[in-house]
Amino acid sequence: MKYCPQCGEKLILKESFNCGISDGIIPYCNSCDKFHFPMFNSAVSSVIYNQDYSKTLLIRQYGRGVNILVAGYVNKGETLENALIREIKEEVNLDVSTYQFNASKYFEKSNSLICNFIVTTKNEEVRCNPEVDYAKWYSIEEAKNAVLKNSLAEEFLLKSLYTLPQKVLN
């Protein structure tokens, strides 16, 4: 951000303090006497497993022929958990049984902080909405080969494997 969104003045970089503790160097408008902290989107994504963790769900969207994870943006006023449950229900009509935080990563392409969760669902009967072209349950080994290579989806999927119950991976 180079200009003030309220008055249009060119912003300067200035150190911000909150209760005597530095927030760092932040864009500041002299005219409005206001700091403008960086803004970005928040999104959730999910590594979805069936109840016994033997299969994981990958989807394809928007005519792209690549396998990715169910994901979506967090709406204003919505918690990460509510967005997670809503997105899974909306995109593949599955009901969440359990979830736990897996990892997060900033994704520059969409200026978004992606918060990923490991999810189990109550059933495996997928019904895709028009946003989703295709959804399929894969064994863990199949999913590792089928997911889009060098993607956040692959990174989150592989990281999730470290937290699965050991008996599942044997």
C-alpha atoms as a PDB file:
ATOM      1  CA  MET A   1       0.000   0.000   0.000  1.00  0.00           C
ATOM      2  CA  LYS A   2       1.554   3.287  -1.132  1.00  0.00           C
ATOM      3  CA  TYR A   3      -1.332   5.734  -0.678  1.00  0.00           C
ATOM      4  CA  CYS A   4      -3.866   6.326   2.077  1.00  0.00           C
ATOM      5  CA  PRO A   5      -7.168   4.621   1.243  1.00  0.00           C
ATOM      6  CA  GLN A   6      -9.081   7.452   2.995  1.00  0.00           C
ATOM      7  CA  CYS A   7      -7.457  10.656   1.710  1.00  0.00           C
ATOM      8  CA  GLY A   8      -5.068   9.539  -1.059  1.00  0.00           C
ATOM      9  CA  GLU A   9      -1.932  11.026   0.556  1.00  0.00           C
ATOM     10  CA  LYS A  10       1.336   9.210  -0.014  1.00  0.00           C
ATOM     11  CA  LEU A  11       2.098   6.980   2.983  1.00  0.00           C
ATOM     12  CA  ILE A  12       5.391   7.037   4.849  1.00  0.00           C
ATOM     13  CA  LEU A  13       6.938   4.202   6.809  1.00  0.00           C
ATOM     14  CA  LYS A  14       6.874   4.820  10.560  1.00  0.00           C
ATOM     15  CA  GLU A  15       7.369   2.670  13.628  1.00  0.00           C
ATOM     16  CA  SER A  16       4.123   1.866  15.436  1.00  0.00           C
ATOM     17  CA  PHE A  17       3.992   1.304  19.193  1.00  0.00           C
ATOM     18  CA  ASN A  18       1.211  -0.399  21.135  1.00  0.00           C
ATOM     19  CA  CYS A  19       1.492  -0.224  24.952  1.00  0.00           C
ATOM     20  CA  GLY A  20       5.164   0.659  24.566  1.00  0.00           C
ATOM     21  CA  ILE A  21       5.902  -2.398  22.394  1.00  0.00           C
ATOM     22  CA  SER A  22       6.865  -1.953  18.757  1.00  0.00           C
ATOM     23  CA  ASP A  23       4.515  -3.362  16.092  1.00  0.00           C
ATOM     24  CA  GLY A  24       7.267  -2.715  13.550  1.00  0.00           C
ATOM     25  CA  ILE A  25       7.538  -0.321  10.631  1.00  0.00           C
ATOM     26  CA  ILE A  26       4.032   0.307   9.274  1.00  0.00           C
ATOM     27  CA  PRO A  27       2.663   2.525   6.453  1.00  0.00           C
ATOM     28  CA  TYR A  28       1.413   5.778   8.033  1.00  0.00           C
ATOM     29  CA  CYS A  29      -0.640   8.727   6.762  1.00  0.00           C
ATOM     30  CA  ASN A  30       0.478  12.108   8.134  1.00  0.00           C
ATOM     31  CA  SER A  31      -2.717  13.751   6.887  1.00  0.00           C
ATOM     32  CA  CYS A  32      -5.101  11.332   8.650  1.00  0.00           C
ATOM     33  CA  ASP A  33      -2.690  10.606  11.515  1.00  0.00           C
ATOM     34  CA  LYS A  34      -3.379   6.893  11.022  1.00  0.00           C
ATOM     35  CA  PHE A  35      -1.403   3.672  10.592  1.00  0.00           C
ATOM     36  CA  HIS A  36      -2.517   1.327   7.792  1.00  0.00           C
ATOM     37  CA  PHE A  37      -1.649  -2.231   8.698  1.00  0.00           C
ATOM     38  CA  PRO A  38      -1.307  -4.698   5.800  1.00  0.00           C
ATOM     39  CA  MET A  39      -4.569  -6.295   4.672  1.00  0.00           C
ATOM     40  CA  PHE A  40      -4.973  -9.801   3.296  1.00  0.00           C
ATOM     41  CA  ASN A  41      -7.637 -12.451   2.824  1.00  0.00           C
ATOM     42  CA  SER A  42      -8.194 -15.395   5.137  1.00  0.00           C
ATOM     43  CA  ALA A  43      -9.007 -18.812   3.743  1.00  0.00           C
ATOM     44  CA  VAL A  44      -9.363 -22.385   4.938  1.00  0.00           C
ATOM     45  CA  SER A  45      -8.369 -25.608   3.243  1.00  0.00           C
ATOM     46  CA  SER A  46      -8.918 -29.172   4.328  1.00  0.00           C
ATOM     47  CA  VAL A  47      -7.206 -32.516   4.063  1.00  0.00           C
ATOM     48  CA  ILE A  48     -10.373 -34.616   4.286  1.00  0.00           C
ATOM     49  CA  TYR A  49     -10.112 -38.222   5.499  1.00  0.00           C
ATOM     50  CA  ASN A  50     -12.761 -40.894   5.896  1.00  0.00           C
ATOM     51  CA  GLN A  51     -13.462 -42.206   9.423  1.00  0.00           C
ATOM     52  CA  ASP A  52     -10.633 -44.775   9.508  1.00  0.00           C
ATOM     53  CA  TYR A  53      -8.109 -42.510   7.725  1.00  0.00           C
ATOM     54  CA  SER A  54      -7.698 -45.019   4.883  1.00  0.00           C
ATOM     55  CA  LYS A  55      -8.796 -42.572   2.176  1.00  0.00           C
ATOM     56  CA  THR A  56      -8.527 -38.856   1.484  1.00  0.00           C
ATOM     57  CA  LEU A  57     -10.638 -36.681  -0.809  1.00  0.00           C
ATOM     58  CA  LEU A  58      -9.217 -34.641  -3.682  1.00  0.00           C
ATOM     59  CA  ILE A  59     -11.221 -32.399  -6.005  1.00  0.00           C
ATOM     60  CA  ARG A  60     -10.913 -30.643  -9.342  1.00  0.00           C
ATOM     61  CA  GLN A  61     -12.404 -27.197  -9.954  1.00  0.00           C
ATOM     62  CA  TYR A  62     -13.034 -24.598 -12.634  1.00  0.00           C
ATOM     63  CA  GLY A  63     -12.091 -26.803 -15.579  1.00  0.00           C
ATOM     64  CA  ARG A  64      -8.524 -27.304 -14.381  1.00  0.00           C
ATOM     65  CA  GLY A  65      -7.366 -30.898 -14.655  1.00  0.00           C
ATOM     66  CA  VAL A  66      -5.472 -30.956 -11.360  1.00  0.00           C
ATOM     67  CA  ASN A  67      -6.311 -32.500  -7.994  1.00  0.00           C
ATOM     68  CA  ILE A  68      -6.429 -30.122  -5.045  1.00  0.00           C
ATOM     69  CA  LEU A  69      -8.025 -29.815  -1.595  1.00  0.00           C
ATOM     70  CA  VAL A  70     -11.419 -28.392  -0.672  1.00  0.00           C
ATOM     71  CA  ALA A  71     -10.806 -24.750   0.242  1.00  0.00           C
ATOM     72  CA  GLY A  72     -12.526 -21.393   0.427  1.00  0.00           C
ATOM     73  CA  TYR A  73     -12.467 -17.897   1.845  1.00  0.00           C
ATOM     74  CA  VAL A  74     -13.527 -16.948   5.349  1.00  0.00           C
ATOM     75  CA  ASN A  75     -16.484 -14.575   5.310  1.00  0.00           C
ATOM     76  CA  LYS A  76     -16.510 -11.375   7.373  1.00  0.00           C
ATOM     77  CA  GLY A  77     -17.528 -12.231  10.948  1.00  0.00           C
ATOM     78  CA  GLU A  78     -17.021 -15.974  10.420  1.00  0.00           C
ATOM     79  CA  THR A  79     -14.612 -18.151  12.418  1.00  0.00           C
ATOM     80  CA  LEU A  80     -12.097 -20.428  10.705  1.00  0.00           C
ATOM     81  CA  GLU A  81     -13.962 -23.439  12.073  1.00  0.00           C
ATOM     82  CA  ASN A  82     -17.331 -22.275  10.750  1.00  0.00           C
ATOM     83  CA  ALA A  83     -15.821 -21.485   7.345  1.00  0.00           C
ATOM     84  CA  LEU A  84     -14.231 -24.936   7.231  1.00  0.00           C
ATOM     85  CA  ILE A  85     -17.495 -26.746   7.970  1.00  0.00           C
ATOM     86  CA  ARG A  86     -19.446 -24.495   5.575  1.00  0.00           C
ATOM     87  CA  GLU A  87     -17.003 -24.889   2.658  1.00  0.00           C
ATOM     88  CA  ILE A  88     -16.936 -28.686   2.942  1.00  0.00           C
ATOM     89  CA  LYS A  89     -20.736 -28.837   3.082  1.00  0.00           C
ATOM     90  CA  GLU A  90     -21.112 -26.381   0.177  1.00  0.00           C
ATOM     91  CA  GLU A  91     -18.526 -27.905  -2.155  1.00  0.00           C
ATOM     92  CA  VAL A  92     -18.886 -31.669  -1.607  1.00  0.00           C
ATOM     93  CA  ASN A  93     -21.926 -32.005   0.709  1.00  0.00           C
ATOM     94  CA  LEU A  94     -20.049 -33.842   3.456  1.00  0.00           C
ATOM     95  CA  ASP A  95     -20.649 -33.412   7.180  1.00  0.00           C
ATOM     96  CA  VAL A  96     -17.563 -32.856   9.308  1.00  0.00           C
ATOM     97  CA  SER A  97     -17.045 -35.303  12.159  1.00  0.00           C
ATOM     98  CA  THR A  98     -13.711 -34.049  13.557  1.00  0.00           C
ATOM     99  CA  TYR A  99     -11.132 -31.427  12.659  1.00  0.00           C
ATOM    100  CA  GLN A 100      -7.769 -30.242  13.908  1.00  0.00           C
ATOM    101  CA  PHE A 101      -5.407 -27.524  12.780  1.00  0.00           C
ATOM    102  CA  ASN A 102      -2.641 -28.769  10.460  1.00  0.00           C
ATOM    103  CA  ALA A 103      -0.658 -25.785   9.139  1.00  0.00           C
ATOM    104  CA  SER A 104      -0.896 -22.301   7.669  1.00  0.00           C
ATOM    105  CA  LYS A 105       0.902 -20.522   4.873  1.00  0.00           C
ATOM    106  CA  TYR A 106       0.674 -17.156   3.159  1.00  0.00           C
ATOM    107  CA  PHE A 107      -0.230 -17.564  -0.535  1.00  0.00           C
ATOM    108  CA  GLU A 108       0.947 -14.502  -2.428  1.00  0.00           C
ATOM    109  CA  LYS A 109      -0.987 -15.228  -5.643  1.00  0.00           C
ATOM    110  CA  SER A 110      -4.302 -14.513  -3.882  1.00  0.00           C
ATOM    111  CA  ASN A 111      -2.899 -12.376  -1.022  1.00  0.00           C
ATOM    112  CA  SER A 112      -4.330 -14.920   1.415  1.00  0.00           C
ATOM    113  CA  LEU A 113      -3.379 -16.604   4.640  1.00  0.00           C
ATOM    114  CA  ILE A 114      -4.444 -20.220   4.102  1.00  0.00           C
ATOM    115  CA  CYS A 115      -5.256 -22.102   7.320  1.00  0.00           C
ATOM    116  CA  ASN A 116      -5.325 -25.856   6.737  1.00  0.00           C
ATOM    117  CA  PHE A 117      -7.157 -28.440   8.826  1.00  0.00           C
ATOM    118  CA  ILE A 118      -7.182 -32.228   8.983  1.00  0.00           C
ATOM    119  CA  VAL A 119     -10.818 -33.319   8.806  1.00  0.00           C
ATOM    120  CA  THR A 120     -12.752 -36.555   9.113  1.00  0.00           C
ATOM    121  CA  THR A 121     -16.255 -36.795   7.715  1.00  0.00           C
ATOM    122  CA  LYS A 122     -19.311 -38.671   8.934  1.00  0.00           C
ATOM    123  CA  ASN A 123     -19.791 -40.377   5.575  1.00  0.00           C
ATOM    124  CA  GLU A 124     -18.161 -40.760   2.159  1.00  0.00           C
ATOM    125  CA  GLU A 125     -21.114 -39.924  -0.108  1.00  0.00           C
ATOM    126  CA  VAL A 126     -19.834 -36.944  -2.085  1.00  0.00           C
ATOM    127  CA  ARG A 127     -22.174 -34.668  -4.018  1.00  0.00           C
ATOM    128  CA  CYS A 128     -20.354 -31.859  -5.834  1.00  0.00           C
ATOM    129  CA  ASN A 129     -21.804 -28.394  -6.245  1.00  0.00           C
ATOM    130  CA  PRO A 130     -21.351 -26.558  -9.592  1.00  0.00           C
ATOM    131  CA  GLU A 131     -18.046 -25.094  -8.321  1.00  0.00           C
ATOM    132  CA  VAL A 132     -16.491 -28.578  -8.194  1.00  0.00           C
ATOM    133  CA  ASP A 133     -15.962 -30.540 -11.422  1.00  0.00           C
ATOM    134  CA  TYR A 134     -14.869 -33.785  -9.835  1.00  0.00           C
ATOM    135  CA  ALA A 135     -14.220 -35.329  -6.435  1.00  0.00           C
ATOM    136  CA  LYS A 136     -12.705 -38.704  -5.645  1.00  0.00           C
ATOM    137  CA  TRP A 137     -11.570 -40.631  -2.583  1.00  0.00           C
ATOM    138  CA  TYR A 138      -7.971 -41.880  -2.901  1.00  0.00           C
ATOM    139  CA  SER A 139      -5.886 -44.178  -0.732  1.00  0.00           C
ATOM    140  CA  ILE A 140      -3.135 -42.236   1.010  1.00  0.00           C
ATOM    141  CA  GLU A 141      -0.485 -43.550  -1.399  1.00  0.00           C
ATOM    142  CA  GLU A 142      -2.666 -42.752  -4.431  1.00  0.00           C
ATOM    143  CA  ALA A 143      -3.362 -39.251  -3.098  1.00  0.00           C
ATOM    144  CA  LYS A 144       0.344 -38.511  -2.670  1.00  0.00           C
ATOM    145  CA  ASN A 145       0.793 -39.256  -6.397  1.00  0.00           C
ATOM    146  CA  ALA A 146      -2.460 -37.673  -7.602  1.00  0.00           C
ATOM    147  CA  VAL A 147      -2.317 -34.282  -5.831  1.00  0.00           C
ATOM    148  CA  LEU A 148      -0.991 -31.285  -7.780  1.00  0.00           C
ATOM    149  CA  LYS A 149       2.790 -31.389  -7.469  1.00  0.00           C
ATOM    150  CA  ASN A 150       4.654 -28.504  -5.799  1.00  0.00           C
ATOM    151  CA  SER A 151       1.384 -26.993  -4.586  1.00  0.00           C
ATOM    152  CA  LEU A 152       0.029 -25.936  -1.216  1.00  0.00           C
ATOM    153  CA  ALA A 153      -2.375 -28.863  -1.508  1.00  0.00           C
ATOM    154  CA  GLU A 154       0.560 -31.271  -1.716  1.00  0.00           C
ATOM    155  CA  GLU A 155       2.399 -29.512   1.110  1.00  0.00           C
ATOM    156  CA  PHE A 156      -0.637 -29.646   3.427  1.00  0.00           C
ATOM    157  CA  LEU A 157      -1.439 -33.264   2.496  1.00  0.00           C
ATOM    158  CA  LEU A 158       2.106 -34.435   3.202  1.00  0.00           C
ATOM    159  CA  LYS A 159       2.256 -32.482   6.482  1.00  0.00           C
ATOM    160  CA  SER A 160      -1.026 -34.071   7.606  1.00  0.00           C
ATOM    161  CA  LEU A 161       0.550 -37.515   7.373  1.00  0.00           C
ATOM    162  CA  TYR A 162       2.819 -36.687  10.331  1.00  0.00           C
ATOM    163  CA  THR A 163      -0.178 -36.282  12.640  1.00  0.00           C
ATOM    164  CA  LEU A 164      -2.220 -39.315  11.575  1.00  0.00           C
ATOM    165  CA  PRO A 165      -2.463 -42.171  14.045  1.00  0.00           C
ATOM    166  CA  GLN A 166       0.584 -44.443  13.556  1.00  0.00           C
ATOM    167  CA  LYS A 167      -1.562 -47.554  13.044  1.00  0.00           C
ATOM    168  CA  VAL A 168      -3.035 -45.911   9.939  1.00  0.00           C
ATOM    169  CA  LEU A 169       0.385 -45.458   8.321  1.00  0.00           C
ATOM    170  CA  ASN A 170       1.551 -49.059   8.958  1.00  0.00           C
END
